[in-house]
Amino acid sequence: MQNQKLATLIAALSPAQQVVVEEFVRNLKDTNKPSITFRESLDEFKRKRPELLRLLAQ
């Protein structure tokens, strides 16, 4: 059920925003730090990919 809610939310985003979400999820998944928190991962993503976050904010 939760996956369906998430998919519905993502489907409502613009194509550019969906790309950003996909990149962020990849970043979460590919991190080499098993104990990294969501917040730390978000901060790292903001440092590495600020242009994608600007797209998401539009």
N, C-alpha and C. Protein backbone atom coordinates (compact mmCIF):
# COMPACT_ATOMS: atom_id res chain seq x y z
N MET A 1 0.82 -1.19 0.00
CA MET A 1 0.00 0.00 0.00
C MET A 1 0.86 1.26 0.00
N GLN A 2 1.91 1.27 0.84
CA GLN A 2 2.78 2.44 0.92
C GLN A 2 3.47 2.69 -0.42
N ASN A 3 3.90 1.63 -1.11
CA ASN A 3 4.54 1.79 -2.41
C ASN A 3 3.60 2.43 -3.41
N GLN A 4 2.34 2.07 -3.34
CA GLN A 4 1.36 2.63 -4.26
C GLN A 4 1.16 4.12 -3.99
N LYS A 5 1.12 4.50 -2.73
CA LYS A 5 0.99 5.92 -2.37
C LYS A 5 2.19 6.71 -2.89
N LEU A 6 3.36 6.15 -2.71
CA LEU A 6 4.57 6.82 -3.18
C LEU A 6 4.57 6.95 -4.70
N ALA A 7 4.19 5.89 -5.38
CA ALA A 7 4.13 5.91 -6.84
C ALA A 7 3.12 6.96 -7.33
N THR A 8 2.00 7.07 -6.64
CA THR A 8 0.99 8.06 -7.02
C THR A 8 1.52 9.48 -6.83
N LEU A 9 2.20 9.71 -5.72
CA LEU A 9 2.78 11.03 -5.47
C LEU A 9 3.82 11.39 -6.53
N ILE A 10 4.67 10.45 -6.86
CA ILE A 10 5.72 10.70 -7.85
C ILE A 10 5.12 10.91 -9.23
N ALA A 11 4.09 10.15 -9.55
CA ALA A 11 3.43 10.29 -10.86
C ALA A 11 2.81 11.68 -11.03
N ALA A 12 2.45 12.32 -9.93
CA ALA A 12 1.86 13.66 -10.00
C ALA A 12 2.89 14.76 -10.23
N LEU A 13 4.17 14.43 -10.11
CA LEU A 13 5.23 15.41 -10.33
C LEU A 13 5.46 15.62 -11.83
N SER A 14 6.08 16.73 -12.15
CA SER A 14 6.45 16.97 -13.55
C SER A 14 7.55 15.98 -13.93
N PRO A 15 7.75 15.76 -15.24
CA PRO A 15 8.82 14.85 -15.66
C PRO A 15 10.19 15.25 -15.10
N ALA A 16 10.48 16.54 -15.07
CA ALA A 16 11.77 16.99 -14.54
C ALA A 16 11.88 16.69 -13.05
N GLN A 17 10.80 16.88 -12.32
CA GLN A 17 10.81 16.58 -10.89
C GLN A 17 10.96 15.08 -10.65
N GLN A 18 10.35 14.27 -11.50
CA GLN A 18 10.48 12.82 -11.37
C GLN A 18 11.93 12.39 -11.55
N VAL A 19 12.65 13.03 -12.44
CA VAL A 19 14.07 12.73 -12.64
C VAL A 19 14.85 13.01 -11.35
N VAL A 20 14.54 14.12 -10.71
CA VAL A 20 15.22 14.48 -9.48
C VAL A 20 14.95 13.43 -8.39
N VAL A 21 13.71 13.04 -8.26
CA VAL A 21 13.36 12.03 -7.26
C VAL A 21 14.10 10.72 -7.55
N GLU A 22 14.13 10.33 -8.81
CA GLU A 22 14.84 9.10 -9.18
C GLU A 22 16.32 9.19 -8.84
N GLU A 23 16.94 10.32 -9.14
CA GLU A 23 18.35 10.51 -8.82
C GLU A 23 18.59 10.46 -7.30
N PHE A 24 17.69 11.07 -6.55
CA PHE A 24 17.85 11.05 -5.10
C PHE A 24 17.73 9.63 -4.55
N VAL A 25 16.77 8.88 -5.05
CA VAL A 25 16.60 7.50 -4.59
C VAL A 25 17.84 6.68 -4.94
N ARG A 26 18.36 6.88 -6.14
CA ARG A 26 19.60 6.19 -6.52
C ARG A 26 20.73 6.55 -5.56
N ASN A 27 20.82 7.83 -5.23
CA ASN A 27 21.85 8.29 -4.31
C ASN A 27 21.70 7.60 -2.95
N LEU A 28 20.48 7.49 -2.47
CA LEU A 28 20.23 6.79 -1.20
C LEU A 28 20.65 5.33 -1.29
N LYS A 29 20.32 4.72 -2.39
CA LYS A 29 20.58 3.29 -2.58
C LYS A 29 22.07 3.01 -2.76
N ASP A 30 22.77 3.89 -3.46
CA ASP A 30 24.16 3.64 -3.83
C ASP A 30 25.18 4.10 -2.80
N THR A 31 24.72 4.69 -1.74
CA THR A 31 25.68 5.19 -0.75
C THR A 31 26.50 4.04 -0.17
N ASN A 32 27.75 4.31 0.07
CA ASN A 32 28.65 3.30 0.63
C ASN A 32 28.65 3.32 2.15
N LYS A 33 27.82 4.15 2.73
CA LYS A 33 27.78 4.27 4.18
C LYS A 33 26.50 3.61 4.68
N PRO A 34 26.60 2.41 5.20
CA PRO A 34 25.39 1.70 5.62
C PRO A 34 24.62 2.37 6.75
N SER A 35 25.28 3.18 7.56
CA SER A 35 24.59 3.79 8.69
C SER A 35 24.19 5.25 8.42
N ILE A 36 24.27 5.69 7.18
CA ILE A 36 23.93 7.07 6.85
C ILE A 36 22.44 7.33 7.09
N THR A 37 22.13 8.47 7.66
CA THR A 37 20.74 8.82 7.90
C THR A 37 20.16 9.47 6.65
N PHE A 38 18.85 9.55 6.62
CA PHE A 38 18.18 10.20 5.50
C PHE A 38 18.65 11.65 5.39
N ARG A 39 18.74 12.33 6.50
CA ARG A 39 19.16 13.73 6.51
C ARG A 39 20.58 13.89 5.96
N GLU A 40 21.48 13.02 6.38
CA GLU A 40 22.86 13.07 5.87
C GLU A 40 22.89 12.82 4.37
N SER A 41 22.08 11.89 3.94
CA SER A 41 22.02 11.59 2.51
C SER A 41 21.46 12.79 1.74
N LEU A 42 20.45 13.43 2.27
CA LEU A 42 19.89 14.61 1.63
C LEU A 42 20.91 15.74 1.55
N ASP A 43 21.63 15.96 2.64
CA ASP A 43 22.66 17.00 2.65
C ASP A 43 23.74 16.71 1.61
N GLU A 44 24.14 15.45 1.52
CA GLU A 44 25.14 15.06 0.53
C GLU A 44 24.62 15.28 -0.89
N PHE A 45 23.37 14.92 -1.11
CA PHE A 45 22.75 15.11 -2.43
C PHE A 45 22.69 16.59 -2.78
N LYS A 46 22.35 17.44 -1.80
CA LYS A 46 22.29 18.88 -2.04
C LYS A 46 23.66 19.42 -2.45
N ARG A 47 24.72 18.90 -1.82
CA ARG A 47 26.07 19.36 -2.17
C ARG A 47 26.47 18.89 -3.57
N LYS A 48 26.12 17.65 -3.90
CA LYS A 48 26.55 17.07 -5.17
C LYS A 48 25.69 17.50 -6.36
N ARG A 49 24.38 17.68 -6.15
CA ARG A 49 23.46 17.91 -7.26
C ARG A 49 22.50 19.08 -7.03
N PRO A 50 23.00 20.27 -6.73
CA PRO A 50 22.10 21.38 -6.44
C PRO A 50 21.20 21.75 -7.62
N GLU A 51 21.67 21.51 -8.83
CA GLU A 51 20.85 21.84 -10.00
C GLU A 51 19.60 20.98 -10.07
N LEU A 52 19.69 19.75 -9.62
CA LEU A 52 18.50 18.89 -9.62
C LEU A 52 17.49 19.34 -8.57
N LEU A 53 17.97 19.80 -7.46
CA LEU A 53 17.06 20.29 -6.44
C LEU A 53 16.35 21.57 -6.88
N ARG A 54 17.03 22.39 -7.67
CA ARG A 54 16.37 23.58 -8.22
C ARG A 54 15.23 23.17 -9.14
N LEU A 55 15.43 22.11 -9.91
CA LEU A 55 14.37 21.60 -10.77
C LEU A 55 13.18 21.12 -9.95
N LEU A 56 13.45 20.43 -8.88
CA LEU A 56 12.40 19.90 -8.03
C LEU A 56 11.59 21.03 -7.41
N ALA A 57 12.25 22.12 -7.10
CA ALA A 57 11.56 23.25 -6.46
C ALA A 57 10.66 24.02 -7.39
N GLN A 58 10.81 23.82 -8.67
CA GLN A 58 10.00 24.58 -9.65
C GLN A 58 8.59 24.09 -9.72
